[in-house]
C-alpha atoms as a PDB file:
ATOM      1  CA  UNK A   1     -31.100  43.147  39.583  1.00  0.00           C
ATOM      2  CA  UNK A   2     -30.451  41.204  36.349  1.00  0.00           C
ATOM      3  CA  UNK A   3     -32.873  43.449  34.491  1.00  0.00           C
ATOM      4  CA  UNK A   4     -31.005  46.527  35.696  1.00  0.00           C
ATOM      5  CA  UNK A   5     -27.661  45.079  34.543  1.00  0.00           C
ATOM      6  CA  UNK A   6     -29.122  44.247  31.134  1.00  0.00           C
ATOM      7  CA  UNK A   7     -30.526  47.749  30.841  1.00  0.00           C
ATOM      8  CA  UNK A   8     -27.148  49.244  31.778  1.00  0.00           C
ATOM      9  CA  UNK A   9     -25.343  47.037  29.241  1.00  0.00           C
ATOM     10  CA  UNK A  10     -27.782  48.051  26.519  1.00  0.00           C
ATOM     11  CA  UNK A  11     -27.314  51.709  27.459  1.00  0.00           C
ATOM     12  CA  UNK A  12     -23.516  51.443  27.333  1.00  0.00           C
ATOM     13  CA  UNK A  13     -23.630  49.653  23.997  1.00  0.00           C
ATOM     14  CA  UNK A  14     -26.019  52.275  22.608  1.00  0.00           C
ATOM     15  CA  UNK A  15     -23.760  55.112  23.769  1.00  0.00           C
ATOM     16  CA  UNK A  16     -20.726  53.418  22.203  1.00  0.00           C
ATOM     17  CA  UNK A  17     -22.567  52.888  18.921  1.00  0.00           C
ATOM     18  CA  UNK A  18     -23.793  56.488  18.926  1.00  0.00           C
ATOM     19  CA  UNK A  19     -20.249  57.841  19.403  1.00  0.00           C
ATOM     20  CA  UNK A  20     -18.896  55.532  16.713  1.00  0.00           C
ATOM     21  CA  UNK A  21     -21.490  56.671  14.192  1.00  0.00           C
ATOM     22  CA  UNK A  22     -20.830  60.331  15.006  1.00  0.00           C
ATOM     23  CA  UNK A  23     -17.103  59.867  14.384  1.00  0.00           C
ATOM     24  CA  UNK A  24     -17.828  58.286  11.010  1.00  0.00           C
ATOM     25  CA  UNK A  25     -20.074  61.190  10.020  1.00  0.00           C
ATOM     26  CA  UNK A  26     -17.437  63.718  11.126  1.00  0.00           C
ATOM     27  CA  UNK A  27     -14.885  61.997   8.904  1.00  0.00           C
ATOM     28  CA  UNK A  28     -17.138  62.416   5.855  1.00  0.00           C
ATOM     29  CA  UNK A  29     -16.163  65.134   3.412  1.00  0.00           C
ATOM     30  CA  UNK A  30     -17.606  68.532   4.230  1.00  0.00           C
ATOM     31  CA  UNK A  31     -19.837  70.025   1.533  1.00  0.00           C
ATOM     32  CA  UNK A  32     -18.341  72.866  -0.471  1.00  0.00           C
ATOM     33  CA  UNK A  33     -19.905  76.310   0.006  1.00  0.00           C
ATOM     34  CA  UNK A  34     -20.316  76.621  -3.775  1.00  0.00           C
ATOM     35  CA  UNK A  35     -21.322  74.220  -6.560  1.00  0.00           C
ATOM     36  CA  UNK A  36     -18.713  72.815  -8.904  1.00  0.00           C
ATOM     37  CA  UNK A  37     -18.112  75.022 -11.934  1.00  0.00           C
ATOM     38  CA  UNK A  38     -16.987  73.643 -15.261  1.00  0.00           C
ATOM     39  CA  UNK A  39     -15.141  75.416 -18.053  1.00  0.00           C
ATOM     40  CA  UNK A  40     -16.950  76.385 -21.236  1.00  0.00           C
ATOM     41  CA  UNK A  41     -16.618  74.270 -24.341  1.00  0.00           C
ATOM     42  CA  UNK A  42     -17.611  70.900 -25.763  1.00  0.00           C
ATOM     43  CA  UNK A  43     -14.759  68.996 -24.109  1.00  0.00           C
ATOM     44  CA  UNK A  44     -16.150  69.866 -20.660  1.00  0.00           C
ATOM     45  CA  UNK A  45     -19.827  69.307 -21.496  1.00  0.00           C
ATOM     46  CA  UNK A  46     -21.445  66.046 -20.442  1.00  0.00           C
ATOM     47  CA  UNK A  47     -24.077  64.280 -22.498  1.00  0.00           C
ATOM     48  CA  UNK A  48     -23.299  65.800 -25.900  1.00  0.00           C
ATOM     49  CA  UNK A  49     -20.827  64.622 -28.499  1.00  0.00           C
ATOM     50  CA  UNK A  50     -18.255  67.323 -29.406  1.00  0.00           C
ATOM     51  CA  UNK A  51     -19.044  66.688 -33.099  1.00  0.00           C
ATOM     52  CA  UNK A  52     -22.639  67.823 -32.483  1.00  0.00           C
ATOM     53  CA  UNK A  53     -21.457  71.105 -30.918  1.00  0.00           C
ATOM     54  CA  UNK A  54     -22.152  74.111 -33.162  1.00  0.00           C
ATOM     55  CA  UNK A  55     -21.627  77.884 -33.014  1.00  0.00           C
ATOM     56  CA  UNK A  56     -24.902  78.516 -31.169  1.00  0.00           C
ATOM     57  CA  UNK A  57     -24.036  75.909 -28.542  1.00  0.00           C
ATOM     58  CA  UNK A  58     -20.587  77.457 -28.085  1.00  0.00           C
ATOM     59  CA  UNK A  59     -21.895  81.008 -27.699  1.00  0.00           C
ATOM     60  CA  UNK A  60     -24.688  79.945 -25.377  1.00  0.00           C
ATOM     61  CA  UNK A  61     -22.284  77.955 -23.214  1.00  0.00           C
ATOM     62  CA  UNK A  62     -19.807  80.842 -22.994  1.00  0.00           C
ATOM     63  CA  UNK A  63     -22.510  83.358 -22.049  1.00  0.00           C
ATOM     64  CA  UNK A  64     -23.976  81.309 -19.201  1.00  0.00           C
ATOM     65  CA  UNK A  65     -24.873  82.462 -16.510  1.00  0.00           C
ATOM     66  CA  UNK A  66     -24.960  85.984 -17.927  1.00  0.00           C
ATOM     67  CA  UNK A  67     -28.421  87.497 -18.056  1.00  0.00           C
ATOM     68  CA  UNK A  68     -28.223  88.435 -21.747  1.00  0.00           C
ATOM     69  CA  UNK A  69     -28.115  85.714 -24.417  1.00  0.00           C
ATOM     70  CA  UNK A  70     -25.805  86.017 -27.437  1.00  0.00           C
ATOM     71  CA  UNK A  71     -27.032  88.412 -30.128  1.00  0.00           C
ATOM     72  CA  UNK A  72     -27.428  85.846 -32.886  1.00  0.00           C
ATOM     73  CA  UNK A  73     -30.617  84.243 -31.530  1.00  0.00           C
END
């Protein structure tokens, strides 16, 4: 009888923990259906100093994701 009570207590605790974890995951932010999109230009680029940004970088950044690159390549 004691074993059955212990098993029931473990089952109830497991169910409570499962519901608690599901509520936490539901409260998490939902993923967006599209990736984040940044504006063109050196001030929005990460990992490059704006002083190192030249005309080719600017034109390449403005053309992305177009299929045709700028004509000055």
